[in-house]
Amino acid sequence: MTRHPFPLIKNELKELLNKGWMTHDAMWFYHCLEEFGIEKTNRINLADIKSMSAIEIKRYQKALGLEKVDTFDEFKHF
């Protein structure tokens, strides 16, 4: 029997990678908490979210085919 070189189907691969990333994120937070305490960890996490949000919104816009969102109603729909 010949084994496929990469036996995971696309959705299984996506799930495996997502679980790995989620575990990495949780471990990053835990180790920051242990090293720096909750106040500094929260400040770092909020800075990360602020930096990441600009990137993520562009990804969502691209995925949904939206060039830009100008009004609150467009944002609400988005």
N, C-alpha and C. Protein backbone atom coordinates (compact mmCIF):
# COMPACT_ATOMS: atom_id res chain seq x y z
N MET A 1 0.84 -1.18 0.00
CA MET A 1 0.00 0.00 0.00
C MET A 1 0.88 1.25 0.00
N THR A 2 0.63 2.13 -0.93
CA THR A 2 1.40 3.37 -1.04
C THR A 2 0.76 4.43 -0.15
N ARG A 3 1.58 5.02 0.70
CA ARG A 3 1.09 6.07 1.59
C ARG A 3 1.24 7.43 0.91
N HIS A 4 0.19 8.21 0.99
CA HIS A 4 0.22 9.57 0.43
C HIS A 4 1.29 10.36 1.16
N PRO A 5 2.09 11.17 0.46
CA PRO A 5 3.17 11.92 1.13
C PRO A 5 2.67 12.93 2.15
N PHE A 6 1.44 13.37 2.01
CA PHE A 6 0.88 14.31 2.97
C PHE A 6 -0.56 13.90 3.21
N PRO A 7 -0.79 13.08 4.23
CA PRO A 7 -2.10 12.44 4.39
C PRO A 7 -3.24 13.32 4.91
N LEU A 8 -2.96 14.56 5.26
CA LEU A 8 -4.03 15.41 5.79
C LEU A 8 -4.77 16.11 4.65
N ILE A 9 -6.08 16.14 4.77
CA ILE A 9 -6.84 16.94 3.81
C ILE A 9 -6.79 18.40 4.25
N LYS A 10 -7.19 19.29 3.36
CA LYS A 10 -7.05 20.73 3.60
C LYS A 10 -7.65 21.17 4.93
N ASN A 11 -8.88 20.76 5.25
CA ASN A 11 -9.51 21.20 6.50
C ASN A 11 -8.80 20.64 7.73
N GLU A 12 -8.28 19.43 7.63
CA GLU A 12 -7.52 18.86 8.75
C GLU A 12 -6.23 19.63 8.97
N LEU A 13 -5.57 20.00 7.90
CA LEU A 13 -4.35 20.79 8.00
C LEU A 13 -4.64 22.15 8.62
N LYS A 14 -5.72 22.81 8.15
CA LYS A 14 -6.09 24.11 8.71
C LYS A 14 -6.39 23.99 10.21
N GLU A 15 -7.09 22.93 10.60
CA GLU A 15 -7.41 22.74 12.02
C GLU A 15 -6.14 22.50 12.84
N LEU A 16 -5.22 21.69 12.32
CA LEU A 16 -3.97 21.42 13.02
C LEU A 16 -3.15 22.69 13.19
N LEU A 17 -3.03 23.48 12.12
CA LEU A 17 -2.27 24.74 12.21
C LEU A 17 -2.95 25.73 13.14
N ASN A 18 -4.27 25.80 13.11
CA ASN A 18 -5.01 26.71 13.99
C ASN A 18 -4.82 26.32 15.46
N LYS A 19 -4.90 25.04 15.75
CA LYS A 19 -4.69 24.59 17.14
C LYS A 19 -3.28 24.92 17.61
N GLY A 20 -2.30 24.74 16.72
CA GLY A 20 -0.92 25.08 17.08
C GLY A 20 -0.76 26.55 17.37
N TRP A 21 -1.37 27.39 16.52
CA TRP A 21 -1.27 28.84 16.74
C TRP A 21 -1.98 29.26 18.02
N MET A 22 -3.15 28.69 18.28
CA MET A 22 -3.90 29.03 19.49
C MET A 22 -3.12 28.61 20.73
N THR A 23 -2.47 27.45 20.68
CA THR A 23 -1.66 27.00 21.81
C THR A 23 -0.46 27.92 21.99
N HIS A 24 0.16 28.32 20.88
CA HIS A 24 1.29 29.25 20.97
C HIS A 24 0.85 30.55 21.63
N ASP A 25 -0.29 31.08 21.23
CA ASP A 25 -0.80 32.33 21.78
C ASP A 25 -1.06 32.20 23.28
N ALA A 26 -1.67 31.10 23.68
CA ALA A 26 -1.95 30.88 25.10
C ALA A 26 -0.66 30.74 25.91
N MET A 27 0.31 30.03 25.36
CA MET A 27 1.58 29.84 26.06
C MET A 27 2.36 31.15 26.13
N TRP A 28 2.29 31.97 25.07
CA TRP A 28 2.94 33.28 25.09
C TRP A 28 2.36 34.12 26.23
N PHE A 29 1.04 34.15 26.33
CA PHE A 29 0.39 34.93 27.38
C PHE A 29 0.78 34.41 28.75
N TYR A 30 0.74 33.09 28.92
CA TYR A 30 1.08 32.47 30.21
C TYR A 30 2.50 32.82 30.63
N HIS A 31 3.46 32.69 29.71
CA HIS A 31 4.86 32.94 30.08
C HIS A 31 5.11 34.43 30.32
N CYS A 32 4.44 35.31 29.58
CA CYS A 32 4.54 36.74 29.88
C CYS A 32 3.98 37.02 31.27
N LEU A 33 2.86 36.41 31.57
CA LEU A 33 2.24 36.58 32.89
C LEU A 33 3.19 36.14 34.00
N GLU A 34 3.80 34.98 33.82
CA GLU A 34 4.75 34.47 34.82
C GLU A 34 5.96 35.39 34.97
N GLU A 35 6.45 35.90 33.85
CA GLU A 35 7.67 36.71 33.86
C GLU A 35 7.43 38.15 34.30
N PHE A 36 6.33 38.75 33.84
CA PHE A 36 6.14 40.19 34.02
C PHE A 36 4.95 40.60 34.87
N GLY A 37 4.03 39.67 35.17
CA GLY A 37 2.82 40.02 35.92
C GLY A 37 1.69 40.43 34.99
N ILE A 38 0.49 40.49 35.54
CA ILE A 38 -0.70 40.73 34.73
C ILE A 38 -0.76 42.12 34.12
N GLU A 39 -0.32 43.16 34.85
CA GLU A 39 -0.42 44.52 34.31
C GLU A 39 0.42 44.69 33.06
N LYS A 40 1.69 44.30 33.13
CA LYS A 40 2.57 44.46 31.97
C LYS A 40 2.14 43.52 30.84
N THR A 41 1.74 42.31 31.17
CA THR A 41 1.28 41.37 30.15
C THR A 41 0.07 41.93 29.42
N ASN A 42 -0.87 42.53 30.14
CA ASN A 42 -2.04 43.13 29.50
C ASN A 42 -1.65 44.31 28.61
N ARG A 43 -0.69 45.12 29.05
CA ARG A 43 -0.23 46.24 28.23
C ARG A 43 0.40 45.73 26.93
N ILE A 44 1.23 44.69 27.03
CA ILE A 44 1.85 44.10 25.84
C ILE A 44 0.78 43.50 24.94
N ASN A 45 -0.17 42.80 25.51
CA ASN A 45 -1.23 42.16 24.73
C ASN A 45 -2.08 43.21 24.01
N LEU A 46 -2.42 44.30 24.68
CA LEU A 46 -3.20 45.36 24.05
C LEU A 46 -2.42 46.02 22.92
N ALA A 47 -1.11 46.21 23.09
CA ALA A 47 -0.28 46.77 22.02
C ALA A 47 -0.26 45.81 20.83
N ASP A 48 -0.19 44.53 21.11
CA ASP A 48 -0.22 43.52 20.05
C ASP A 48 -1.54 43.57 19.28
N ILE A 49 -2.63 43.64 20.01
CA ILE A 49 -3.96 43.70 19.38
C ILE A 49 -4.07 44.94 18.51
N LYS A 50 -3.60 46.07 19.01
CA LYS A 50 -3.67 47.32 18.24
C LYS A 50 -2.86 47.20 16.95
N SER A 51 -1.67 46.64 17.04
CA SER A 51 -0.83 46.47 15.86
C SER A 51 -1.44 45.48 14.88
N MET A 52 -1.97 44.41 15.40
CA MET A 52 -2.51 43.34 14.56
C MET A 52 -3.82 43.73 13.90
N SER A 53 -4.61 44.57 14.54
CA SER A 53 -5.94 44.89 14.00
C SER A 53 -5.87 45.54 12.63
N ALA A 54 -4.88 46.38 12.38
CA ALA A 54 -4.74 47.02 11.07
C ALA A 54 -4.47 45.98 9.99
N ILE A 55 -3.71 44.97 10.32
CA ILE A 55 -3.40 43.89 9.37
C ILE A 55 -4.63 43.03 9.16
N GLU A 56 -5.30 42.67 10.25
CA GLU A 56 -6.45 41.77 10.17
C GLU A 56 -7.61 42.40 9.40
N ILE A 57 -7.86 43.68 9.60
CA ILE A 57 -8.99 44.31 8.91
C ILE A 57 -8.76 44.27 7.40
N LYS A 58 -7.51 44.46 6.97
CA LYS A 58 -7.20 44.39 5.53
C LYS A 58 -7.44 42.97 5.01
N ARG A 59 -7.11 41.96 5.79
CA ARG A 59 -7.36 40.58 5.38
C ARG A 59 -8.85 40.31 5.24
N TYR A 60 -9.64 40.78 6.20
CA TYR A 60 -11.09 40.59 6.12
C TYR A 60 -11.67 41.31 4.91
N GLN A 61 -11.21 42.54 4.69
CA GLN A 61 -11.69 43.29 3.54
C GLN A 61 -11.38 42.55 2.23
N LYS A 62 -10.17 42.05 2.12
CA LYS A 62 -9.78 41.32 0.91
C LYS A 62 -10.63 40.06 0.75
N ALA A 63 -10.80 39.31 1.84
CA ALA A 63 -11.57 38.07 1.79
C ALA A 63 -13.02 38.33 1.41
N LEU A 64 -13.57 39.47 1.83
CA LEU A 64 -14.96 39.80 1.55
C LEU A 64 -15.14 40.67 0.32
N GLY A 65 -14.03 41.03 -0.31
CA GLY A 65 -14.11 41.83 -1.52
C GLY A 65 -14.50 43.27 -1.29
N LEU A 66 -14.13 43.84 -0.15
CA LEU A 66 -14.43 45.24 0.16
C LEU A 66 -13.16 46.06 0.03
N GLU A 67 -13.21 47.09 -0.82
CA GLU A 67 -12.04 47.94 -0.97
C GLU A 67 -11.83 48.82 0.25
N LYS A 68 -12.91 49.48 0.67
CA LYS A 68 -12.81 50.32 1.86
C LYS A 68 -14.19 50.49 2.48
N VAL A 69 -14.17 50.89 3.72
CA VAL A 69 -15.41 51.13 4.47
C VAL A 69 -15.37 52.59 4.91
N ASP A 70 -16.33 53.39 4.42
CA ASP A 70 -16.31 54.82 4.69
C ASP A 70 -17.31 55.28 5.74
N THR A 71 -18.44 54.61 5.84
CA THR A 71 -19.48 55.07 6.76
C THR A 71 -19.73 54.05 7.86
N PHE A 72 -20.40 54.50 8.91
CA PHE A 72 -20.72 53.59 10.00
C PHE A 72 -21.64 52.48 9.52
N ASP A 73 -22.59 52.81 8.65
CA ASP A 73 -23.49 51.77 8.12
C ASP A 73 -22.71 50.72 7.34
N GLU A 74 -21.72 51.16 6.55
CA GLU A 74 -20.87 50.21 5.83
C GLU A 74 -20.09 49.35 6.82
N PHE A 75 -19.59 49.97 7.87
CA PHE A 75 -18.87 49.23 8.91
C PHE A 75 -19.78 48.22 9.58
N LYS A 76 -20.98 48.65 9.91
CA LYS A 76 -21.95 47.76 10.56
C LYS A 76 -22.24 46.56 9.66
N HIS A 77 -22.42 46.82 8.38
CA HIS A 77 -22.66 45.74 7.43
C HIS A 77 -21.43 44.84 7.31
N PHE A 78 -20.26 45.45 7.31
CA PHE A 78 -18.99 44.72 7.23
C PHE A 78 -18.86 43.79 8.40
